[in-house]
Structures are given as structure tokens and as C-alpha cells.
Amino acid sequence: MLVLANAAFAAIAFLRDVRATGAHFLVRSSARRSTLVQRLLPDGSYLACLSGPYRAGYGYQPLTVRVIEAWITVTLVTGPSAASPGGWSPASSTTNATPPTR
């Protein structure tokens, strides 16, 4: 199963719960979100560590995600193009950089 979610559902606890069911996720997250880059991947995406708030006895419980940076450009009929400020960073639970073989 693949869960597609908007930025309102980018909370780490929610994403961790999704993975616990065996499902994968692709969630839109603002590019303003601070991530710790772990490794650059050949396709230009990267593995990053999201960390939630500290919980006594559990620590920060980081979650590794694959981040694909994207900028959305809209071309208007009545005027110039407008780009999304700051871009968007879709985050995915699929961290394997190797495409599947047939």
C-alpha cells in the first residue's frame, strides 16, 4: 500500500505509524523543513533523517526518508510564470536508490 499525503500529515509520529503497518508513504513537505542529509543518491535525491521531539526513554526517534527536491512553476495565460517560493520536498519511505529489475 502507498499512502499519499499533503504537508499537514508530515508529522514524524504519523509517518512512523504508517510504516509500522507495512505501507509506504509519499508526503509533501515544505522545503523549509530542516533535514539532516545522510547520503546523496545518483538520481539527485537524498536520504535524510527527520527527527521528532525528544521523548524521555525513547530519545529523538529519527526516521530515514528519501527526499526529492522539486520546484513547481505555473505559466499564466495573462502574464509571466510564477515559481513556488522555496520549492517542495516530497519525502518517501522508499529509500532504495536502485530501480527494480524486471
C-alpha atoms as a PDB file:
ATOM      1  CA  MET A   1       0.000   0.000   0.000  1.00  0.00           C
ATOM      2  CA  LEU A   2       1.169   3.563  -0.745  1.00  0.00           C
ATOM      3  CA  VAL A   3      -0.150   6.462   1.321  1.00  0.00           C
ATOM      4  CA  LEU A   4      -0.080   9.852  -0.447  1.00  0.00           C
ATOM      5  CA  ALA A   5      -0.359  12.777   1.947  1.00  0.00           C
ATOM      6  CA  ASN A   6      -0.251  16.539   1.989  1.00  0.00           C
ATOM      7  CA  ALA A   7       2.064  18.629   4.180  1.00  0.00           C
ATOM      8  CA  ALA A   8      -0.451  18.614   7.042  1.00  0.00           C
ATOM      9  CA  PHE A   9       0.325  14.896   7.522  1.00  0.00           C
ATOM     10  CA  ALA A  10       4.120  15.214   7.584  1.00  0.00           C
ATOM     11  CA  ALA A  11       4.337  14.632  11.354  1.00  0.00           C
ATOM     12  CA  ILE A  12       7.011  12.079  12.154  1.00  0.00           C
ATOM     13  CA  ALA A  13       4.809  10.100  14.555  1.00  0.00           C
ATOM     14  CA  PHE A  14       2.164   9.693  11.815  1.00  0.00           C
ATOM     15  CA  LEU A  15       4.752   8.638   9.215  1.00  0.00           C
ATOM     16  CA  ARG A  16       6.263   6.127  11.632  1.00  0.00           C
ATOM     17  CA  ASP A  17       2.778   4.673  12.277  1.00  0.00           C
ATOM     18  CA  VAL A  18       2.211   4.337   8.513  1.00  0.00           C
ATOM     19  CA  ARG A  19       5.495   2.380   8.146  1.00  0.00           C
ATOM     20  CA  ALA A  20       4.551   0.175  11.111  1.00  0.00           C
ATOM     21  CA  THR A  21       1.585  -1.121   9.091  1.00  0.00           C
ATOM     22  CA  GLY A  22       3.925  -2.166   6.252  1.00  0.00           C
ATOM     23  CA  ALA A  23       2.694   0.620   3.955  1.00  0.00           C
ATOM     24  CA  HIS A  24       4.972   3.130   2.233  1.00  0.00           C
ATOM     25  CA  PHE A  25       4.333   6.856   2.066  1.00  0.00           C
ATOM     26  CA  LEU A  26       4.952   9.806  -0.216  1.00  0.00           C
ATOM     27  CA  VAL A  27       4.243  13.016   1.644  1.00  0.00           C
ATOM     28  CA  ARG A  28       4.634  16.619   0.576  1.00  0.00           C
ATOM     29  CA  SER A  29       6.790  18.567   2.980  1.00  0.00           C
ATOM     30  CA  SER A  30       7.824  22.196   2.822  1.00  0.00           C
ATOM     31  CA  ALA A  31      11.390  22.778   1.656  1.00  0.00           C
ATOM     32  CA  ARG A  32      11.734  24.966   4.736  1.00  0.00           C
ATOM     33  CA  ARG A  33      11.749  21.837   6.873  1.00  0.00           C
ATOM     34  CA  SER A  34      15.228  21.219   8.192  1.00  0.00           C
ATOM     35  CA  THR A  35      16.593  17.747   7.427  1.00  0.00           C
ATOM     36  CA  LEU A  36      19.915  16.111   8.129  1.00  0.00           C
ATOM     37  CA  VAL A  37      21.241  14.801   4.788  1.00  0.00           C
ATOM     38  CA  GLN A  38      22.710  11.328   5.268  1.00  0.00           C
ATOM     39  CA  ARG A  39      23.643  10.367   1.714  1.00  0.00           C
ATOM     40  CA  LEU A  40      23.264  11.760  -1.806  1.00  0.00           C
ATOM     41  CA  LEU A  41      21.765   9.319  -4.321  1.00  0.00           C
ATOM     42  CA  PRO A  42      22.683   9.005  -8.034  1.00  0.00           C
ATOM     43  CA  ASP A  43      19.322  10.352  -9.255  1.00  0.00           C
ATOM     44  CA  GLY A  44      19.725  13.649  -7.352  1.00  0.00           C
ATOM     45  CA  SER A  45      17.515  12.721  -4.422  1.00  0.00           C
ATOM     46  CA  TYR A  46      18.994  12.104  -0.997  1.00  0.00           C
ATOM     47  CA  LEU A  47      18.444  10.143   2.183  1.00  0.00           C
ATOM     48  CA  ALA A  48      17.673  12.390   5.127  1.00  0.00           C
ATOM     49  CA  CYS A  49      16.995  11.963   8.779  1.00  0.00           C
ATOM     50  CA  LEU A  50      13.876  13.540  10.251  1.00  0.00           C
ATOM     51  CA  SER A  51      13.833  13.741  13.998  1.00  0.00           C
ATOM     52  CA  GLY A  52      10.885  14.388  16.211  1.00  0.00           C
ATOM     53  CA  PRO A  53      10.712  15.955  19.619  1.00  0.00           C
ATOM     54  CA  TYR A  54      12.690  14.347  22.422  1.00  0.00           C
ATOM     55  CA  ARG A  55      10.720  11.806  24.493  1.00  0.00           C
ATOM     56  CA  ALA A  56      12.089  10.543  27.793  1.00  0.00           C
ATOM     57  CA  GLY A  57      13.054   6.892  27.469  1.00  0.00           C
ATOM     58  CA  TYR A  58      12.778   6.994  23.669  1.00  0.00           C
ATOM     59  CA  GLY A  59      15.145   9.776  22.597  1.00  0.00           C
ATOM     60  CA  TYR A  60      14.503  11.600  19.332  1.00  0.00           C
ATOM     61  CA  GLN A  61      13.487   8.508  17.314  1.00  0.00           C
ATOM     62  CA  PRO A  62      14.820   9.631  13.913  1.00  0.00           C
ATOM     63  CA  LEU A  63      13.112   8.483  10.720  1.00  0.00           C
ATOM     64  CA  THR A  64      15.096   7.999   7.499  1.00  0.00           C
ATOM     65  CA  VAL A  65      13.301   9.191   4.356  1.00  0.00           C
ATOM     66  CA  ARG A  66      14.196   9.784   0.716  1.00  0.00           C
ATOM     67  CA  VAL A  67      13.803  13.432  -0.274  1.00  0.00           C
ATOM     68  CA  ILE A  68      13.207  14.600  -3.842  1.00  0.00           C
ATOM     69  CA  GLU A  69      13.501  18.381  -4.129  1.00  0.00           C
ATOM     70  CA  ALA A  70      11.069  19.944  -6.587  1.00  0.00           C
ATOM     71  CA  TRP A  71      10.046  23.407  -7.746  1.00  0.00           C
ATOM     72  CA  ILE A  72       6.630  24.000  -9.229  1.00  0.00           C
ATOM     73  CA  THR A  73       6.323  26.599 -11.992  1.00  0.00           C
ATOM     74  CA  VAL A  74       2.967  27.870 -13.170  1.00  0.00           C
ATOM     75  CA  THR A  75       2.681  29.572 -16.559  1.00  0.00           C
ATOM     76  CA  LEU A  76      -0.187  32.036 -16.585  1.00  0.00           C
ATOM     77  CA  VAL A  77      -2.075  32.967 -19.749  1.00  0.00           C
ATOM     78  CA  THR A  78      -2.234  36.612 -18.654  1.00  0.00           C
ATOM     79  CA  GLY A  79       1.333  37.111 -17.551  1.00  0.00           C
ATOM     80  CA  PRO A  80       4.728  35.735 -16.575  1.00  0.00           C
ATOM     81  CA  SER A  81       5.448  32.439 -14.891  1.00  0.00           C
ATOM     82  CA  ALA A  82       5.405  32.133 -11.137  1.00  0.00           C
ATOM     83  CA  ALA A  83       7.528  29.657  -9.206  1.00  0.00           C
ATOM     84  CA  SER A  84       6.575  28.244  -5.839  1.00  0.00           C
ATOM     85  CA  PRO A  85       8.532  30.012  -3.093  1.00  0.00           C
ATOM     86  CA  GLY A  86      11.143  27.739  -1.547  1.00  0.00           C
ATOM     87  CA  GLY A  87      10.108  24.709  -3.542  1.00  0.00           C
ATOM     88  CA  TRP A  88       8.693  21.490  -2.141  1.00  0.00           C
ATOM     89  CA  SER A  89      10.421  18.406  -0.861  1.00  0.00           C
ATOM     90  CA  PRO A  90       8.363  15.244  -1.248  1.00  0.00           C
ATOM     91  CA  ALA A  91       9.565  12.665   1.286  1.00  0.00           C
ATOM     92  CA  SER A  92       9.222   8.938   0.650  1.00  0.00           C
ATOM     93  CA  SER A  93       9.689   5.876   2.824  1.00  0.00           C
ATOM     94  CA  THR A  94      11.178   4.090  -0.195  1.00  0.00           C
ATOM     95  CA  THR A  95      14.890   4.582   0.457  1.00  0.00           C
ATOM     96  CA  ASN A  96      16.296   2.113  -2.103  1.00  0.00           C
ATOM     97  CA  ALA A  97      18.155   4.024  -4.839  1.00  0.00           C
ATOM     98  CA  THR A  98      18.363   1.020  -7.167  1.00  0.00           C
ATOM     99  CA  PRO A  99      15.490   0.707  -9.664  1.00  0.00           C
ATOM    100  CA  PRO A 100      13.697  -2.645  -9.629  1.00  0.00           C
ATOM    101  CA  THR A 101      14.805  -5.239 -12.177  1.00  0.00           C
ATOM    102  CA  ARG A 102      12.360  -6.929 -14.489  1.00  0.00           C
END
